PDB file of N, CA and C in Angstrom:
ATOM      1  N   UNK A   1     -22.149 -37.998 -13.326  1.00  0.00           N
ATOM      2  CA  UNK A   1     -21.050 -37.865 -14.262  1.00  0.00           C
ATOM      3  C   UNK A   1     -20.484 -39.238 -14.568  1.00  0.00           C
ATOM      4  N   UNK A   2     -20.104 -39.423 -15.764  1.00  0.00           N
ATOM      5  CA  UNK A   2     -19.529 -40.699 -16.174  1.00  0.00           C
ATOM      6  C   UNK A   2     -18.047 -40.510 -16.486  1.00  0.00           C
ATOM      7  N   UNK A   3     -17.288 -41.542 -16.231  1.00  0.00           N
ATOM      8  CA  UNK A   3     -15.871 -41.551 -16.558  1.00  0.00           C
ATOM      9  C   UNK A   3     -15.509 -42.986 -16.915  1.00  0.00           C
ATOM     10  N   UNK A   4     -14.331 -43.190 -17.446  1.00  0.00           N
ATOM     11  CA  UNK A   4     -13.900 -44.550 -17.790  1.00  0.00           C
ATOM     12  C   UNK A   4     -12.542 -44.828 -17.159  1.00  0.00           C
ATOM     13  N   UNK A   5     -12.240 -46.098 -17.067  1.00  0.00           N
ATOM     14  CA  UNK A   5     -10.966 -46.537 -16.535  1.00  0.00           C
ATOM     15  C   UNK A   5     -10.098 -46.965 -17.714  1.00  0.00           C
ATOM     16  N   UNK A   6      -8.813 -46.631 -17.688  1.00  0.00           N
ATOM     17  CA  UNK A   6      -7.940 -47.050 -18.781  1.00  0.00           C
ATOM     18  C   UNK A   6      -7.419 -48.462 -18.538  1.00  0.00           C
ATOM     19  N   UNK A   7      -6.636 -48.977 -19.470  1.00  0.00           N
ATOM     20  CA  UNK A   7      -6.137 -50.355 -19.399  1.00  0.00           C
ATOM     21  C   UNK A   7      -5.257 -50.592 -18.178  1.00  0.00           C
ATOM     22  N   UNK A   8      -4.621 -49.535 -17.657  1.00  0.00           N
ATOM     23  CA  UNK A   8      -3.766 -49.659 -16.473  1.00  0.00           C
ATOM     24  C   UNK A   8      -4.570 -49.570 -15.176  1.00  0.00           C
ATOM     25  N   UNK A   9      -5.877 -49.345 -15.276  1.00  0.00           N
ATOM     26  CA  UNK A   9      -6.719 -49.263 -14.095  1.00  0.00           C
ATOM     27  C   UNK A   9      -6.843 -47.865 -13.520  1.00  0.00           C
ATOM     28  N   UNK A  10      -6.336 -46.860 -14.250  1.00  0.00           N
ATOM     29  CA  UNK A  10      -6.418 -45.478 -13.765  1.00  0.00           C
ATOM     30  C   UNK A  10      -7.787 -44.891 -14.073  1.00  0.00           C
ATOM     31  N   UNK A  11      -8.235 -44.078 -13.149  1.00  0.00           N
ATOM     32  CA  UNK A  11      -9.545 -43.469 -13.251  1.00  0.00           C
ATOM     33  C   UNK A  11      -9.382 -41.959 -13.124  1.00  0.00           C
ATOM     34  N   UNK A  12     -10.016 -41.214 -14.006  1.00  0.00           N
ATOM     35  CA  UNK A  12      -9.965 -39.760 -13.922  1.00  0.00           C
ATOM     36  C   UNK A  12     -11.217 -39.290 -13.191  1.00  0.00           C
ATOM     37  N   UNK A  13     -11.015 -38.569 -12.092  1.00  0.00           N
ATOM     38  CA  UNK A  13     -12.126 -37.976 -11.361  1.00  0.00           C
ATOM     39  C   UNK A  13     -12.457 -36.664 -12.068  1.00  0.00           C
ATOM     40  N   UNK A  14     -13.692 -36.491 -12.502  1.00  0.00           N
ATOM     41  CA  UNK A  14     -14.040 -35.273 -13.246  1.00  0.00           C
ATOM     42  C   UNK A  14     -13.687 -33.997 -12.495  1.00  0.00           C
ATOM     43  N   UNK A  15     -13.302 -32.971 -13.240  1.00  0.00           N
ATOM     44  CA  UNK A  15     -12.827 -31.701 -12.689  1.00  0.00           C
ATOM     45  C   UNK A  15     -13.821 -31.101 -11.697  1.00  0.00           C
ATOM     46  N   UNK A  16     -15.107 -31.122 -12.029  1.00  0.00           N
ATOM     47  CA  UNK A  16     -16.108 -30.521 -11.144  1.00  0.00           C
ATOM     48  C   UNK A  16     -16.133 -31.209  -9.777  1.00  0.00           C
ATOM     49  N   UNK A  17     -16.009 -32.531  -9.779  1.00  0.00           N
ATOM     50  CA  UNK A  17     -15.990 -33.276  -8.520  1.00  0.00           C
ATOM     51  C   UNK A  17     -14.712 -32.971  -7.743  1.00  0.00           C
ATOM     52  N   UNK A  18     -13.561 -32.933  -8.451  1.00  0.00           N
ATOM     53  CA  UNK A  18     -12.303 -32.595  -7.777  1.00  0.00           C
ATOM     54  C   UNK A  18     -12.382 -31.212  -7.153  1.00  0.00           C
ATOM     55  N   UNK A  19     -12.981 -30.266  -7.865  1.00  0.00           N
ATOM     56  CA  UNK A  19     -13.095 -28.892  -7.363  1.00  0.00           C
ATOM     57  C   UNK A  19     -14.004 -28.851  -6.138  1.00  0.00           C
ATOM     58  N   UNK A  20     -15.168 -29.476  -6.218  1.00  0.00           N
ATOM     59  CA  UNK A  20     -16.101 -29.465  -5.088  1.00  0.00           C
ATOM     60  C   UNK A  20     -15.531 -30.180  -3.871  1.00  0.00           C
ATOM     61  N   UNK A  21     -14.753 -31.243  -4.096  1.00  0.00           N
ATOM     62  CA  UNK A  21     -14.165 -32.002  -2.989  1.00  0.00           C
ATOM     63  C   UNK A  21     -12.826 -31.418  -2.540  1.00  0.00           C
ATOM     64  N   UNK A  22     -12.378 -30.346  -3.194  1.00  0.00           N
ATOM     65  CA  UNK A  22     -11.093 -29.698  -2.888  1.00  0.00           C
ATOM     66  C   UNK A  22      -9.937 -30.692  -2.977  1.00  0.00           C
ATOM     67  N   UNK A  23      -9.970 -31.555  -3.990  1.00  0.00           N
ATOM     68  CA  UNK A  23      -8.885 -32.516  -4.203  1.00  0.00           C
ATOM     69  C   UNK A  23      -7.799 -31.878  -5.051  1.00  0.00           C
ATOM     70  N   UNK A  24      -6.597 -31.928  -4.568  1.00  0.00           N
ATOM     71  CA  UNK A  24      -5.432 -31.402  -5.280  1.00  0.00           C
ATOM     72  C   UNK A  24      -4.537 -32.567  -5.675  1.00  0.00           C
ATOM     73  N   UNK A  25      -3.712 -32.421  -6.708  1.00  0.00           N
ATOM     74  CA  UNK A  25      -2.779 -33.484  -7.057  1.00  0.00           C
ATOM     75  C   UNK A  25      -1.893 -33.836  -5.865  1.00  0.00           C
ATOM     76  N   UNK A  26      -1.673 -35.110  -5.655  1.00  0.00           N
ATOM     77  CA  UNK A  26      -0.814 -35.571  -4.567  1.00  0.00           C
ATOM     78  C   UNK A  26      -1.552 -35.842  -3.268  1.00  0.00           C
ATOM     79  N   UNK A  27      -2.846 -35.513  -3.185  1.00  0.00           N
ATOM     80  CA  UNK A  27      -3.611 -35.772  -1.962  1.00  0.00           C
ATOM     81  C   UNK A  27      -3.807 -37.283  -1.832  1.00  0.00           C
ATOM     82  N   UNK A  28      -3.405 -37.879  -0.693  1.00  0.00           N
ATOM     83  CA  UNK A  28      -3.604 -39.320  -0.527  1.00  0.00           C
ATOM     84  C   UNK A  28      -5.097 -39.642  -0.386  1.00  0.00           C
ATOM     85  N   UNK A  29      -5.521 -40.693  -1.068  1.00  0.00           N
ATOM     86  CA  UNK A  29      -6.929 -41.093  -1.051  1.00  0.00           C
ATOM     87  C   UNK A  29      -7.079 -42.506  -0.523  1.00  0.00           C
ATOM     88  N   UNK A  30      -8.161 -42.737   0.208  1.00  0.00           N
ATOM     89  CA  UNK A  30      -8.536 -44.097   0.620  1.00  0.00           C
ATOM     90  C   UNK A  30      -9.548 -44.605  -0.396  1.00  0.00           C
ATOM     91  N   UNK A  31      -9.347 -45.832  -0.868  1.00  0.00           N
ATOM     92  CA  UNK A  31     -10.273 -46.456  -1.810  1.00  0.00           C
ATOM     93  C   UNK A  31     -10.747 -47.755  -1.177  1.00  0.00           C
ATOM     94  N   UNK A  32     -12.071 -47.909  -1.092  1.00  0.00           N
ATOM     95  CA  UNK A  32     -12.658 -49.095  -0.463  1.00  0.00           C
ATOM     96  C   UNK A  32     -13.733 -49.693  -1.359  1.00  0.00           C
ATOM     97  N   UNK A  33     -13.940 -50.991  -1.187  1.00  0.00           N
ATOM     98  CA  UNK A  33     -15.048 -51.706  -1.799  1.00  0.00           C
ATOM     99  C   UNK A  33     -15.963 -52.109  -0.661  1.00  0.00           C
ATOM    100  N   UNK A  34     -17.193 -51.585  -0.648  1.00  0.00           N
ATOM    101  CA  UNK A  34     -18.109 -51.859   0.452  1.00  0.00           C
ATOM    102  C   UNK A  34     -19.512 -52.070  -0.110  1.00  0.00           C
ATOM    103  N   UNK A  35     -20.057 -53.244   0.129  1.00  0.00           N
ATOM    104  CA  UNK A  35     -21.425 -53.561  -0.295  1.00  0.00           C
ATOM    105  C   UNK A  35     -21.671 -53.241  -1.766  1.00  0.00           C
ATOM    106  N   UNK A  36     -20.726 -53.597  -2.619  1.00  0.00           N
ATOM    107  CA  UNK A  36     -20.891 -53.404  -4.055  1.00  0.00           C
ATOM    108  C   UNK A  36     -20.648 -51.991  -4.542  1.00  0.00           C
ATOM    109  N   UNK A  37     -20.117 -51.126  -3.682  1.00  0.00           N
ATOM    110  CA  UNK A  37     -19.876 -49.733  -4.046  1.00  0.00           C
ATOM    111  C   UNK A  37     -18.403 -49.408  -3.821  1.00  0.00           C
ATOM    112  N   UNK A  38     -17.801 -48.738  -4.784  1.00  0.00           N
ATOM    113  CA  UNK A  38     -16.426 -48.261  -4.621  1.00  0.00           C
ATOM    114  C   UNK A  38     -16.499 -46.879  -3.992  1.00  0.00           C
ATOM    115  N   UNK A  39     -15.813 -46.704  -2.872  1.00  0.00           N
ATOM    116  CA  UNK A  39     -15.793 -45.415  -2.167  1.00  0.00           C
ATOM    117  C   UNK A  39     -14.389 -44.833  -2.243  1.00  0.00           C
ATOM    118  N   UNK A  40     -14.297 -43.569  -2.570  1.00  0.00           N
ATOM    119  CA  UNK A  40     -13.018 -42.856  -2.634  1.00  0.00           C
ATOM    120  C   UNK A  40     -13.151 -41.617  -1.766  1.00  0.00           C
ATOM    121  N   UNK A  41     -12.235 -41.450  -0.813  1.00  0.00           N
ATOM    122  CA  UNK A  41     -12.259 -40.244   0.011  1.00  0.00           C
ATOM    123  C   UNK A  41     -10.844 -39.874   0.424  1.00  0.00           C
ATOM    124  N   UNK A  42     -10.605 -38.579   0.652  1.00  0.00           N
ATOM    125  CA  UNK A  42      -9.274 -38.161   1.103  1.00  0.00           C
ATOM    126  C   UNK A  42      -8.951 -38.800   2.447  1.00  0.00           C
ATOM    127  N   UNK A  43      -7.690 -39.185   2.622  1.00  0.00           N
ATOM    128  CA  UNK A  43      -7.280 -39.729   3.911  1.00  0.00           C
ATOM    129  C   UNK A  43      -7.346 -38.629   4.955  1.00  0.00           C
ATOM    130  N   UNK A  44      -7.733 -38.981   6.174  1.00  0.00           N
ATOM    131  CA  UNK A  44      -7.751 -37.958   7.222  1.00  0.00           C
ATOM    132  C   UNK A  44      -6.339 -37.441   7.486  1.00  0.00           C
ATOM    133  N   UNK A  45      -6.264 -36.194   7.838  1.00  0.00           N
ATOM    134  CA  UNK A  45      -4.984 -35.563   8.141  1.00  0.00           C
ATOM    135  C   UNK A  45      -4.503 -36.017   9.514  1.00  0.00           C
ATOM    136  N   UNK A  46      -3.285 -36.525   9.580  1.00  0.00           N
ATOM    137  CA  UNK A  46      -2.711 -36.942  10.863  1.00  0.00           C
ATOM    138  C   UNK A  46      -2.395 -35.692  11.685  1.00  0.00           C
ATOM    139  N   UNK A  47      -2.849 -35.678  12.928  1.00  0.00           N
ATOM    140  CA  UNK A  47      -2.618 -34.524  13.800  1.00  0.00           C
ATOM    141  C   UNK A  47      -2.043 -34.974  15.128  1.00  0.00           C
ATOM    142  N   UNK A  48      -1.405 -34.041  15.793  1.00  0.00           N
ATOM    143  CA  UNK A  48      -0.978 -34.256  17.175  1.00  0.00           C
ATOM    144  C   UNK A  48      -1.724 -33.240  18.029  1.00  0.00           C
ATOM    145  N   UNK A  49      -2.065 -33.643  19.241  1.00  0.00           N
ATOM    146  CA  UNK A  49      -2.770 -32.741  20.145  1.00  0.00           C
ATOM    147  C   UNK A  49      -1.778 -32.102  21.101  1.00  0.00           C
ATOM    148  N   UNK A  50      -1.818 -30.788  21.175  1.00  0.00           N
ATOM    149  CA  UNK A  50      -0.948 -30.055  22.089  1.00  0.00           C
ATOM    150  C   UNK A  50      -1.805 -29.103  22.922  1.00  0.00           C
ATOM    151  N   UNK A  51      -1.338 -28.823  24.114  1.00  0.00           N
ATOM    152  CA  UNK A  51      -2.088 -27.933  24.996  1.00  0.00           C
ATOM    153  C   UNK A  51      -1.553 -26.519  24.821  1.00  0.00           C
ATOM    154  N   UNK A  52      -2.469 -25.575  24.592  1.00  0.00           N
ATOM    155  CA  UNK A  52      -2.122 -24.153  24.521  1.00  0.00           C
ATOM    156  C   UNK A  52      -2.975 -23.453  25.560  1.00  0.00           C
ATOM    157  N   UNK A  53      -2.364 -23.189  26.689  1.00  0.00           N
ATOM    158  CA  UNK A  53      -3.133 -22.638  27.802  1.00  0.00           C
ATOM    159  C   UNK A  53      -4.114 -23.690  28.289  1.00  0.00           C
ATOM    160  N   UNK A  54      -5.372 -23.339  28.341  1.00  0.00           N
ATOM    161  CA  UNK A  54      -6.390 -24.291  28.780  1.00  0.00           C
ATOM    162  C   UNK A  54      -6.992 -25.072  27.613  1.00  0.00           C
ATOM    163  N   UNK A  55      -6.577 -24.759  26.397  1.00  0.00           N
ATOM    164  CA  UNK A  55      -7.146 -25.399  25.213  1.00  0.00           C
ATOM    165  C   UNK A  55      -6.290 -26.554  24.721  1.00  0.00           C
ATOM    166  N   UNK A  56      -6.935 -27.561  24.179  1.00  0.00           N
ATOM    167  CA  UNK A  56      -6.254 -28.657  23.503  1.00  0.00           C
ATOM    168  C   UNK A  56      -6.393 -28.385  22.007  1.00  0.00           C
ATOM    169  N   UNK A  57      -5.269 -28.256  21.321  1.00  0.00           N
ATOM    170  CA  UNK A  57      -5.257 -27.829  19.924  1.00  0.00           C
ATOM    171  C   UNK A  57      -4.687 -28.943  19.053  1.00  0.00           C
ATOM    172  N   UNK A  58      -5.356 -29.213  17.920  1.00  0.00           N
ATOM    173  CA  UNK A  58      -4.867 -30.195  16.945  1.00  0.00           C
ATOM    174  C   UNK A  58      -3.945 -29.481  15.969  1.00  0.00           C
ATOM    175  N   UNK A  59      -2.752 -30.020  15.782  1.00  0.00           N
ATOM    176  CA  UNK A  59      -1.786 -29.467  14.832  1.00  0.00           C
ATOM    177  C   UNK A  59      -1.398 -30.566  13.858  1.00  0.00           C
ATOM    178  N   UNK A  60      -1.253 -30.250  12.566  1.00  0.00           N
ATOM    179  CA  UNK A  60      -0.887 -31.286  11.598  1.00  0.00           C
ATOM    180  C   UNK A  60       0.460 -31.912  11.955  1.00  0.00           C
ATOM    181  N   UNK A  61       0.547 -33.238  11.796  1.00  0.00           N
ATOM    182  CA  UNK A  61       1.786 -33.962  12.115  1.00  0.00           C
ATOM    183  C   UNK A  61       2.861 -33.699  11.063  1.00  0.00           C
ATOM    184  N   UNK A  62       2.440 -33.353   9.850  1.00  0.00           N
ATOM    185  CA  UNK A  62       3.384 -33.030   8.776  1.00  0.00           C
ATOM    186  C   UNK A  62       3.008 -31.665   8.208  1.00  0.00           C
ATOM    187  N   UNK A  63       3.920 -31.081   7.448  1.00  0.00           N
ATOM    188  CA  UNK A  63       3.658 -29.779   6.852  1.00  0.00           C
ATOM    189  C   UNK A  63       2.545 -29.909   5.813  1.00  0.00           C
ATOM    190  N   UNK A  64       1.605 -28.992   5.862  1.00  0.00           N
ATOM    191  CA  UNK A  64       0.490 -28.991   4.909  1.00  0.00           C
ATOM    192  C   UNK A  64       0.414 -27.625   4.249  1.00  0.00           C
ATOM    193  N   UNK A  65      -0.069 -27.576   3.008  1.00  0.00           N
ATOM    194  CA  UNK A  65      -0.202 -26.266   2.359  1.00  0.00           C
ATOM    195  C   UNK A  65      -1.312 -25.451   3.027  1.00  0.00           C
ATOM    196  N   UNK A  66      -1.225 -24.135   2.960  1.00  0.00           N
ATOM    197  CA  UNK A  66      -2.267 -23.308   3.574  1.00  0.00           C
ATOM    198  C   UNK A  66      -3.606 -23.505   2.862  1.00  0.00           C
ATOM    199  N   UNK A  67      -4.669 -23.251   3.594  1.00  0.00           N
ATOM    200  CA  UNK A  67      -5.995 -23.342   2.992  1.00  0.00           C
ATOM    201  C   UNK A  67      -6.137 -22.290   1.911  1.00  0.00           C
ATOM    202  N   UNK A  68      -6.809 -22.658   0.840  1.00  0.00           N
ATOM    203  CA  UNK A  68      -7.075 -21.693  -0.221  1.00  0.00           C
ATOM    204  C   UNK A  68      -8.382 -20.979   0.075  1.00  0.00           C
ATOM    205  N   UNK A  69      -8.462 -19.757  -0.373  1.00  0.00           N
ATOM    206  CA  UNK A  69      -9.665 -18.959  -0.157  1.00  0.00           C
ATOM    207  C   UNK A  69     -10.896 -19.670  -0.688  1.00  0.00           C
ATOM    208  N   UNK A  70     -10.782 -20.301  -1.842  1.00  0.00           N
ATOM    209  CA  UNK A  70     -11.926 -20.995  -2.441  1.00  0.00           C
ATOM    210  C   UNK A  70     -12.434 -22.111  -1.531  1.00  0.00           C
ATOM    211  N   UNK A  71     -11.536 -22.851  -0.890  1.00  0.00           N
ATOM    212  CA  UNK A  71     -11.940 -23.940   0.002  1.00  0.00           C
ATOM    213  C   UNK A  71     -12.655 -23.387   1.234  1.00  0.00           C
ATOM    214  N   UNK A  72     -12.159 -22.278   1.775  1.00  0.00           N
ATOM    215  CA  UNK A  72     -12.794 -21.666   2.943  1.00  0.00           C
ATOM    216  C   UNK A  72     -14.183 -21.155   2.576  1.00  0.00           C
ATOM    217  N   UNK A  73     -14.304 -20.474   1.448  1.00  0.00           N
ATOM    218  CA  UNK A  73     -15.600 -19.941   1.020  1.00  0.00           C
ATOM    219  C   UNK A  73     -16.591 -21.056   0.726  1.00  0.00           C
ATOM    220  N   UNK A  74     -16.134 -22.145   0.125  1.00  0.00           N
ATOM    221  CA  UNK A  74     -17.014 -23.281  -0.162  1.00  0.00           C
ATOM    222  C   UNK A  74     -17.531 -23.888   1.140  1.00  0.00           C
ATOM    223  N   UNK A  75     -16.659 -24.008   2.140  1.00  0.00           N
ATOM    224  CA  UNK A  75     -17.073 -24.551   3.435  1.00  0.00           C
ATOM    225  C   UNK A  75     -18.075 -23.619   4.107  1.00  0.00           C
ATOM    226  N   UNK A  76     -17.823 -22.310   4.072  1.00  0.00           N
ATOM    227  CA  UNK A  76     -18.761 -21.350   4.659  1.00  0.00           C
ATOM    228  C   UNK A  76     -20.123 -21.429   3.974  1.00  0.00           C
ATOM    229  N   UNK A  77     -20.116 -21.526   2.642  1.00  0.00           N
ATOM    230  CA  UNK A  77     -21.364 -21.601   1.884  1.00  0.00           C
ATOM    231  C   UNK A  77     -22.127 -22.871   2.229  1.00  0.00           C
ATOM    232  N   UNK A  78     -21.420 -23.997   2.300  1.00  0.00           N
ATOM    233  CA  UNK A  78     -22.065 -25.270   2.625  1.00  0.00           C
ATOM    234  C   UNK A  78     -22.662 -25.252   4.023  1.00  0.00           C
ATOM    235  N   UNK A  79     -21.944 -24.695   4.988  1.00  0.00           N
ATOM    236  CA  UNK A  79     -22.461 -24.609   6.359  1.00  0.00           C
ATOM    237  C   UNK A  79     -23.688 -23.708   6.430  1.00  0.00           C
ATOM    238  N   UNK A  80     -23.648 -22.583   5.737  1.00  0.00           N
ATOM    239  CA  UNK A  80     -24.790 -21.659   5.731  1.00  0.00           C
ATOM    240  C   UNK A  80     -26.000 -22.339   5.096  1.00  0.00           C
ATOM    241  N   UNK A  81     -25.788 -23.096   4.036  1.00  0.00           N
ATOM    242  CA  UNK A  81     -26.892 -23.794   3.369  1.00  0.00           C
ATOM    243  C   UNK A  81     -27.497 -24.820   4.302  1.00  0.00           C
ATOM    244  N   UNK A  82     -26.659 -25.573   5.006  1.00  0.00           N
ATOM    245  CA  UNK A  82     -27.170 -26.577   5.943  1.00  0.00           C
ATOM    246  C   UNK A  82     -27.956 -25.946   7.087  1.00  0.00           C
ATOM    247  N   UNK A  83     -27.574 -24.751   7.464  1.00  0.00           N
ATOM    248  CA  UNK A  83     -28.263 -24.062   8.562  1.00  0.00           C
ATOM    249  C   UNK A  83     -29.493 -23.300   8.070  1.00  0.00           C
ATOM    250  N   UNK A  84     -29.746 -23.342   6.766  1.00  0.00           N
ATOM    251  CA  UNK A  84     -30.928 -22.697   6.227  1.00  0.00           C
ATOM    252  C   UNK A  84     -30.744 -21.228   5.878  1.00  0.00           C
ATOM    253  N   UNK A  85     -29.499 -20.757   5.854  1.00  0.00           N
ATOM    254  CA  UNK A  85     -29.225 -19.362   5.485  1.00  0.00           C
ATOM    255  C   UNK A  85     -28.473 -19.360   4.177  1.00  0.00           C
ATOM    256  N   UNK A  86     -28.498 -18.267   3.507  1.00  0.00           N
ATOM    257  CA  UNK A  86     -27.740 -18.141   2.256  1.00  0.00           C
ATOM    258  C   UNK A  86     -26.868 -16.941   2.284  1.00  0.00           C
TER     259      UNK A  86
END
């Protein structure tokens, strides 16, 4: 997919890529220049580890919106594809 940058340096990520990457408005992104390639990826979610019984559980450090059904289904589909099932 091709896109262009405007005079202010803003770049529009095509809708299909935003949908597949589950990018929502306001999601913080890391942008890097590495070996001649610009890399853009969502920042990792900050978590705190708490013990629940014998388990160590990661909980978001800040409030996050609930997962959307589409994101869960996309992850399930991707995992099934990687495992060779459909």
